[in-house]
Amino acid sequence: MILDIVQIAAAIILIIIVLMQNQGAGLGAAFGGEGNVFRTKRGFEKTLFIFTIIISIIFLATALANVIL
């Protein structure tokens, strides 16, 4: 029961974090329409990127725990 709640919360947070990242945003970027040069992440972008990785690991761990248990 608690794992289900943690997994749902992690999924919602992960969706919000991914939507907050705006690098390469737009439909044209999906088809190679933008010629952006990717730069290094700094400040809030780097923190958001690391937080995304942490939340995705938590989501994966709770999903595996739900399957095992």
PDB file of N, CA and C in Angstrom:
ATOM      1  N   MET A   1       0.824  -1.197   0.000  1.00  0.00           N
ATOM      2  CA  MET A   1       0.000   0.000   0.000  1.00  0.00           C
ATOM      3  C   MET A   1       0.867   1.260   0.000  1.00  0.00           C
ATOM      4  N   ILE A   2       1.864   1.282   0.864  1.00  0.00           N
ATOM      5  CA  ILE A   2       2.741   2.454   0.935  1.00  0.00           C
ATOM      6  C   ILE A   2       3.584   2.554  -0.330  1.00  0.00           C
ATOM      7  N   LEU A   3       4.025   1.400  -0.860  1.00  0.00           N
ATOM      8  CA  LEU A   3       4.813   1.421  -2.099  1.00  0.00           C
ATOM      9  C   LEU A   3       4.002   1.972  -3.260  1.00  0.00           C
ATOM     10  N   ASP A   4       2.713   1.666  -3.291  1.00  0.00           N
ATOM     11  CA  ASP A   4       1.857   2.197  -4.359  1.00  0.00           C
ATOM     12  C   ASP A   4       1.766   3.716  -4.295  1.00  0.00           C
ATOM     13  N   ILE A   5       1.618   4.239  -3.099  1.00  0.00           N
ATOM     14  CA  ILE A   5       1.522   5.696  -2.930  1.00  0.00           C
ATOM     15  C   ILE A   5       2.833   6.370  -3.309  1.00  0.00           C
ATOM     16  N   VAL A   6       3.947   5.773  -2.892  1.00  0.00           N
ATOM     17  CA  VAL A   6       5.266   6.328  -3.238  1.00  0.00           C
ATOM     18  C   VAL A   6       5.480   6.292  -4.745  1.00  0.00           C
ATOM     19  N   GLN A   7       5.056   5.205  -5.389  1.00  0.00           N
ATOM     20  CA  GLN A   7       5.231   5.086  -6.832  1.00  0.00           C
ATOM     21  C   GLN A   7       4.369   6.102  -7.582  1.00  0.00           C
ATOM     22  N   ILE A   8       3.142   6.298  -7.146  1.00  0.00           N
ATOM     23  CA  ILE A   8       2.276   7.293  -7.796  1.00  0.00           C
ATOM     24  C   ILE A   8       2.835   8.695  -7.610  1.00  0.00           C
ATOM     25  N   ALA A   9       3.300   8.998  -6.402  1.00  0.00           N
ATOM     26  CA  ALA A   9       3.887  10.321  -6.146  1.00  0.00           C
ATOM     27  C   ALA A   9       5.148  10.531  -6.987  1.00  0.00           C
ATOM     28  N   ALA A  10       5.984   9.500  -7.085  1.00  0.00           N
ATOM     29  CA  ALA A  10       7.209   9.614  -7.892  1.00  0.00           C
ATOM     30  C   ALA A  10       6.864   9.802  -9.367  1.00  0.00           C
ATOM     31  N   ALA A  11       5.816   9.127  -9.840  1.00  0.00           N
ATOM     32  CA  ALA A  11       5.416   9.265 -11.240  1.00  0.00           C
ATOM     33  C   ALA A  11       4.933  10.678 -11.532  1.00  0.00           C
ATOM     34  N   ILE A  12       4.134  11.238 -10.637  1.00  0.00           N
ATOM     35  CA  ILE A  12       3.625  12.601 -10.839  1.00  0.00           C
ATOM     36  C   ILE A  12       4.762  13.611 -10.809  1.00  0.00           C
ATOM     37  N   ILE A  13       5.658  13.462  -9.838  1.00  0.00           N
ATOM     38  CA  ILE A  13       6.805  14.376  -9.742  1.00  0.00           C
ATOM     39  C   ILE A  13       7.694  14.248 -10.974  1.00  0.00           C
ATOM     40  N   LEU A  14       7.894  13.027 -11.452  1.00  0.00           N
ATOM     41  CA  LEU A  14       8.728  12.806 -12.635  1.00  0.00           C
ATOM     42  C   LEU A  14       8.124  13.453 -13.871  1.00  0.00           C
ATOM     43  N   ILE A  15       6.820  13.357 -14.023  1.00  0.00           N
ATOM     44  CA  ILE A  15       6.151  13.998 -15.158  1.00  0.00           C
ATOM     45  C   ILE A  15       6.334  15.506 -15.104  1.00  0.00           C
ATOM     46  N   ILE A  16       6.149  16.088 -13.928  1.00  0.00           N
ATOM     47  CA  ILE A  16       6.285  17.544 -13.781  1.00  0.00           C
ATOM     48  C   ILE A  16       7.713  17.990 -14.068  1.00  0.00           C
ATOM     49  N   ILE A  17       8.692  17.238 -13.566  1.00  0.00           N
ATOM     50  CA  ILE A  17      10.095  17.613 -13.769  1.00  0.00           C
ATOM     51  C   ILE A  17      10.472  17.524 -15.243  1.00  0.00           C
ATOM     52  N   VAL A  18      10.028  16.475 -15.916  1.00  0.00           N
ATOM     53  CA  VAL A  18      10.358  16.328 -17.335  1.00  0.00           C
ATOM     54  C   VAL A  18       9.720  17.451 -18.145  1.00  0.00           C
ATOM     55  N   LEU A  19       8.510  17.837 -17.797  1.00  0.00           N
ATOM     56  CA  LEU A  19       7.860  18.932 -18.518  1.00  0.00           C
ATOM     57  C   LEU A  19       8.523  20.281 -18.244  1.00  0.00           C
ATOM     58  N   MET A  20       9.187  20.420 -17.101  1.00  0.00           N
ATOM     59  CA  MET A  20       9.873  21.677 -16.783  1.00  0.00           C
ATOM     60  C   MET A  20      11.150  21.862 -17.586  1.00  0.00           C
ATOM     61  N   GLN A  21      11.720  20.765 -18.047  1.00  0.00           N
ATOM     62  CA  GLN A  21      12.942  20.865 -18.838  1.00  0.00           C
ATOM     63  C   GLN A  21      12.562  21.290 -20.248  1.00  0.00           C
ATOM     64  N   ASN A  22      13.131  22.376 -20.713  1.00  0.00           N
ATOM     65  CA  ASN A  22      12.711  22.947 -21.994  1.00  0.00           C
ATOM     66  C   ASN A  22      13.792  22.928 -23.068  1.00  0.00           C
ATOM     67  N   GLN A  23      14.821  22.149 -22.909  1.00  0.00           N
ATOM     68  CA  GLN A  23      15.882  22.107 -23.913  1.00  0.00           C
ATOM     69  C   GLN A  23      15.380  21.402 -25.160  1.00  0.00           C
ATOM     70  N   GLY A  24      15.504  22.034 -26.308  1.00  0.00           N
ATOM     71  CA  GLY A  24      15.032  21.454 -27.553  1.00  0.00           C
ATOM     72  C   GLY A  24      13.522  21.412 -27.624  1.00  0.00           C
ATOM     73  N   ALA A  25      12.855  22.367 -26.996  1.00  0.00           N
ATOM     74  CA  ALA A  25      11.403  22.359 -26.967  1.00  0.00           C
ATOM     75  C   ALA A  25      10.844  22.742 -28.326  1.00  0.00           C
ATOM     76  N   GLY A  26       9.661  22.282 -28.603  1.00  0.00           N
ATOM     77  CA  GLY A  26       9.002  22.615 -29.856  1.00  0.00           C
ATOM     78  C   GLY A  26       8.919  21.425 -30.786  1.00  0.00           C
ATOM     79  N   LEU A  27       7.938  21.447 -31.668  1.00  0.00           N
ATOM     80  CA  LEU A  27       7.728  20.344 -32.593  1.00  0.00           C
ATOM     81  C   LEU A  27       8.823  20.296 -33.646  1.00  0.00           C
ATOM     82  N   GLY A  28       9.369  21.432 -34.005  1.00  0.00           N
ATOM     83  CA  GLY A  28      10.431  21.465 -35.004  1.00  0.00           C
ATOM     84  C   GLY A  28      11.695  20.777 -34.524  1.00  0.00           C
ATOM     85  N   ALA A  29      11.944  20.810 -33.222  1.00  0.00           N
ATOM     86  CA  ALA A  29      13.132  20.171 -32.671  1.00  0.00           C
ATOM     87  C   ALA A  29      13.044  18.652 -32.763  1.00  0.00           C
ATOM     88  N   ALA A  30      11.831  18.131 -32.748  1.00  0.00           N
ATOM     89  CA  ALA A  30      11.665  16.680 -32.833  1.00  0.00           C
ATOM     90  C   ALA A  30      12.075  16.159 -34.204  1.00  0.00           C
ATOM     91  N   PHE A  31      11.960  16.987 -35.219  1.00  0.00           N
ATOM     92  CA  PHE A  31      12.294  16.579 -36.587  1.00  0.00           C
ATOM     93  C   PHE A  31      13.591  17.208 -37.080  1.00  0.00           C
ATOM     94  N   GLY A  32      14.377  17.772 -36.172  1.00  0.00           N
ATOM     95  CA  GLY A  32      15.670  18.335 -36.538  1.00  0.00           C
ATOM     96  C   GLY A  32      15.590  19.724 -37.140  1.00  0.00           C
ATOM     97  N   GLY A  33      14.524  20.446 -36.879  1.00  0.00           N
ATOM     98  CA  GLY A  33      14.339  21.761 -37.466  1.00  0.00           C
ATOM     99  C   GLY A  33      15.156  22.846 -36.808  1.00  0.00           C
ATOM    100  N   GLU A  34      15.539  22.658 -35.565  1.00  0.00           N
ATOM    101  CA  GLU A  34      16.299  23.685 -34.868  1.00  0.00           C
ATOM    102  C   GLU A  34      17.770  23.323 -34.873  1.00  0.00           C
ATOM    103  N   GLY A  35      18.611  24.320 -35.049  1.00  0.00           N
ATOM    104  CA  GLY A  35      20.045  24.097 -35.064  1.00  0.00           C
ATOM    105  C   GLY A  35      20.696  24.533 -33.771  1.00  0.00           C
ATOM    106  N   ASN A  36      20.135  24.147 -32.649  1.00  0.00           N
ATOM    107  CA  ASN A  36      20.688  24.547 -31.359  1.00  0.00           C
ATOM    108  C   ASN A  36      21.999  23.837 -31.087  1.00  0.00           C
ATOM    109  N   VAL A  37      22.902  24.575 -30.491  1.00  0.00           N
ATOM    110  CA  VAL A  37      24.148  23.985 -30.030  1.00  0.00           C
ATOM    111  C   VAL A  37      23.946  23.678 -28.552  1.00  0.00           C
ATOM    112  N   PHE A  38      24.113  22.409 -28.189  1.00  0.00           N
ATOM    113  CA  PHE A  38      23.890  22.036 -26.799  1.00  0.00           C
ATOM    114  C   PHE A  38      25.047  22.531 -25.954  1.00  0.00           C
ATOM    115  N   ARG A  39      24.705  23.072 -24.827  1.00  0.00           N
ATOM    116  CA  ARG A  39      25.705  23.630 -23.917  1.00  0.00           C
ATOM    117  C   ARG A  39      25.657  22.858 -22.604  1.00  0.00           C
ATOM    118  N   THR A  40      26.611  23.142 -21.748  1.00  0.00           N
ATOM    119  CA  THR A  40      26.632  22.449 -20.460  1.00  0.00           C
ATOM    120  C   THR A  40      25.536  22.996 -19.559  1.00  0.00           C
ATOM    121  N   LYS A  41      25.037  22.126 -18.715  1.00  0.00           N
ATOM    122  CA  LYS A  41      23.989  22.532 -17.788  1.00  0.00           C
ATOM    123  C   LYS A  41      24.623  23.220 -16.587  1.00  0.00           C
ATOM    124  N   ARG A  42      24.007  24.312 -16.160  1.00  0.00           N
ATOM    125  CA  ARG A  42      24.513  25.054 -15.011  1.00  0.00           C
ATOM    126  C   ARG A  42      23.353  25.505 -14.156  1.00  0.00           C
ATOM    127  N   GLY A  43      23.606  25.642 -12.881  1.00  0.00           N
ATOM    128  CA  GLY A  43      22.630  26.189 -11.967  1.00  0.00           C
ATOM    129  C   GLY A  43      21.391  25.324 -11.836  1.00  0.00           C
ATOM    130  N   PHE A  44      20.239  25.956 -12.072  1.00  0.00           N
ATOM    131  CA  PHE A  44      18.948  25.290 -11.888  1.00  0.00           C
ATOM    132  C   PHE A  44      18.770  24.143 -12.869  1.00  0.00           C
ATOM    133  N   GLU A  45      19.274  24.287 -14.093  1.00  0.00           N
ATOM    134  CA  GLU A  45      19.163  23.201 -15.084  1.00  0.00           C
ATOM    135  C   GLU A  45      19.877  21.949 -14.609  1.00  0.00           C
ATOM    136  N   LYS A  46      21.073  22.111 -14.051  1.00  0.00           N
ATOM    137  CA  LYS A  46      21.833  20.964 -13.575  1.00  0.00           C
ATOM    138  C   LYS A  46      21.146  20.315 -12.379  1.00  0.00           C
ATOM    139  N   THR A  47      20.623  21.130 -11.463  1.00  0.00           N
ATOM    140  CA  THR A  47      19.911  20.612 -10.307  1.00  0.00           C
ATOM    141  C   THR A  47      18.671  19.854 -10.741  1.00  0.00           C
ATOM    142  N   LEU A  48      17.939  20.393 -11.695  1.00  0.00           N
ATOM    143  CA  LEU A  48      16.739  19.744 -12.200  1.00  0.00           C
ATOM    144  C   LEU A  48      17.084  18.434 -12.896  1.00  0.00           C
ATOM    145  N   PHE A  49      18.180  18.406 -13.619  1.00  0.00           N
ATOM    146  CA  PHE A  49      18.629  17.191 -14.307  1.00  0.00           C
ATOM    147  C   PHE A  49      18.986  16.091 -13.308  1.00  0.00           C
ATOM    148  N   ILE A  50      19.725  16.443 -12.268  1.00  0.00           N
ATOM    149  CA  ILE A  50      20.109  15.467 -11.247  1.00  0.00           C
ATOM    150  C   ILE A  50      18.879  14.988 -10.481  1.00  0.00           C
ATOM    151  N   PHE A  51      17.963  15.892 -10.174  1.00  0.00           N
ATOM    152  CA  PHE A  51      16.733  15.534  -9.473  1.00  0.00           C
ATOM    153  C   PHE A  51      15.883  14.593 -10.321  1.00  0.00           C
ATOM    154  N   THR A  52      15.892  14.781 -11.638  1.00  0.00           N
ATOM    155  CA  THR A  52      15.164  13.893 -12.538  1.00  0.00           C
ATOM    156  C   THR A  52      15.730  12.478 -12.468  1.00  0.00           C
ATOM    157  N   ILE A  53      17.033  12.359 -12.442  1.00  0.00           N
ATOM    158  CA  ILE A  53      17.661  11.045 -12.351  1.00  0.00           C
ATOM    159  C   ILE A  53      17.322  10.377 -11.025  1.00  0.00           C
ATOM    160  N   ILE A  54      17.363  11.122  -9.934  1.00  0.00           N
ATOM    161  CA  ILE A  54      17.071  10.563  -8.613  1.00  0.00           C
ATOM    162  C   ILE A  54      15.618  10.083  -8.539  1.00  0.00           C
ATOM    163  N   ILE A  55      14.684  10.895  -9.018  1.00  0.00           N
ATOM    164  CA  ILE A  55      13.271  10.515  -8.973  1.00  0.00           C
ATOM    165  C   ILE A  55      13.005   9.316  -9.877  1.00  0.00           C
ATOM    166  N   SER A  56      13.679   9.250 -11.024  1.00  0.00           N
ATOM    167  CA  SER A  56      13.471   8.098 -11.901  1.00  0.00           C
ATOM    168  C   SER A  56      14.014   6.810 -11.278  1.00  0.00           C
ATOM    169  N   ILE A  57      15.108   6.896 -10.528  1.00  0.00           N
ATOM    170  CA  ILE A  57      15.635   5.718  -9.822  1.00  0.00           C
ATOM    171  C   ILE A  57      14.672   5.287  -8.724  1.00  0.00           C
ATOM    172  N   ILE A  58      14.091   6.259  -8.011  1.00  0.00           N
ATOM    173  CA  ILE A  58      13.097   5.936  -6.984  1.00  0.00           C
ATOM    174  C   ILE A  58      11.883   5.274  -7.621  1.00  0.00           C
ATOM    175  N   PHE A  59      11.442   5.791  -8.756  1.00  0.00           N
ATOM    176  CA  PHE A  59      10.298   5.206  -9.450  1.00  0.00           C
ATOM    177  C   PHE A  59      10.591   3.772  -9.885  1.00  0.00           C
ATOM    178  N   LEU A  60      11.765   3.553 -10.435  1.00  0.00           N
ATOM    179  CA  LEU A  60      12.160   2.211 -10.875  1.00  0.00           C
ATOM    180  C   LEU A  60      12.259   1.246  -9.697  1.00  0.00           C
ATOM    181  N   ALA A  61      12.827   1.708  -8.594  1.00  0.00           N
ATOM    182  CA  ALA A  61      12.969   0.852  -7.414  1.00  0.00           C
ATOM    183  C   ALA A  61      11.607   0.461  -6.836  1.00  0.00           C
ATOM    184  N   THR A  62      10.676   1.406  -6.781  1.00  0.00           N
ATOM    185  CA  THR A  62       9.352   1.083  -6.256  1.00  0.00           C
ATOM    186  C   THR A  62       8.596   0.166  -7.220  1.00  0.00           C
ATOM    187  N   ALA A  63       8.807   0.329  -8.505  1.00  0.00           N
ATOM    188  CA  ALA A  63       8.147  -0.551  -9.472  1.00  0.00           C
ATOM    189  C   ALA A  63       8.680  -1.977  -9.332  1.00  0.00           C
ATOM    190  N   LEU A  64       9.978  -2.127  -9.190  1.00  0.00           N
ATOM    191  CA  LEU A  64      10.562  -3.449  -8.991  1.00  0.00           C
ATOM    192  C   LEU A  64      10.124  -4.070  -7.661  1.00  0.00           C
ATOM    193  N   ALA A  65      10.044  -3.241  -6.623  1.00  0.00           N
ATOM    194  CA  ALA A  65       9.593  -3.733  -5.321  1.00  0.00           C
ATOM    195  C   ALA A  65       8.145  -4.198  -5.385  1.00  0.00           C
ATOM    196  N   ASN A  66       7.315  -3.495  -6.131  1.00  0.00           N
ATOM    197  CA  ASN A  66       5.907  -3.916  -6.296  1.00  0.00           C
ATOM    198  C   ASN A  66       5.806  -5.237  -7.047  1.00  0.00           C
ATOM    199  N   VAL A  67       6.673  -5.458  -8.016  1.00  0.00           N
ATOM    200  CA  VAL A  67       6.651  -6.715  -8.758  1.00  0.00           C
ATOM    201  C   VAL A  67       7.120  -7.872  -7.874  1.00  0.00           C
ATOM    202  N   ILE A  68       8.171  -7.650  -7.123  1.00  0.00           N
ATOM    203  CA  ILE A  68       8.728  -8.699  -6.273  1.00  0.00           C
ATOM    204  C   ILE A  68       7.781  -9.044  -5.118  1.00  0.00           C
ATOM    205  N   LEU A  69       7.234  -7.999  -4.509  1.00  0.00           N
ATOM    206  CA  LEU A  69       6.333  -8.238  -3.376  1.00  0.00           C
ATOM    207  C   LEU A  69       4.946  -8.474  -3.902  1.00  0.00           C
TER     208      LEU A  69
END
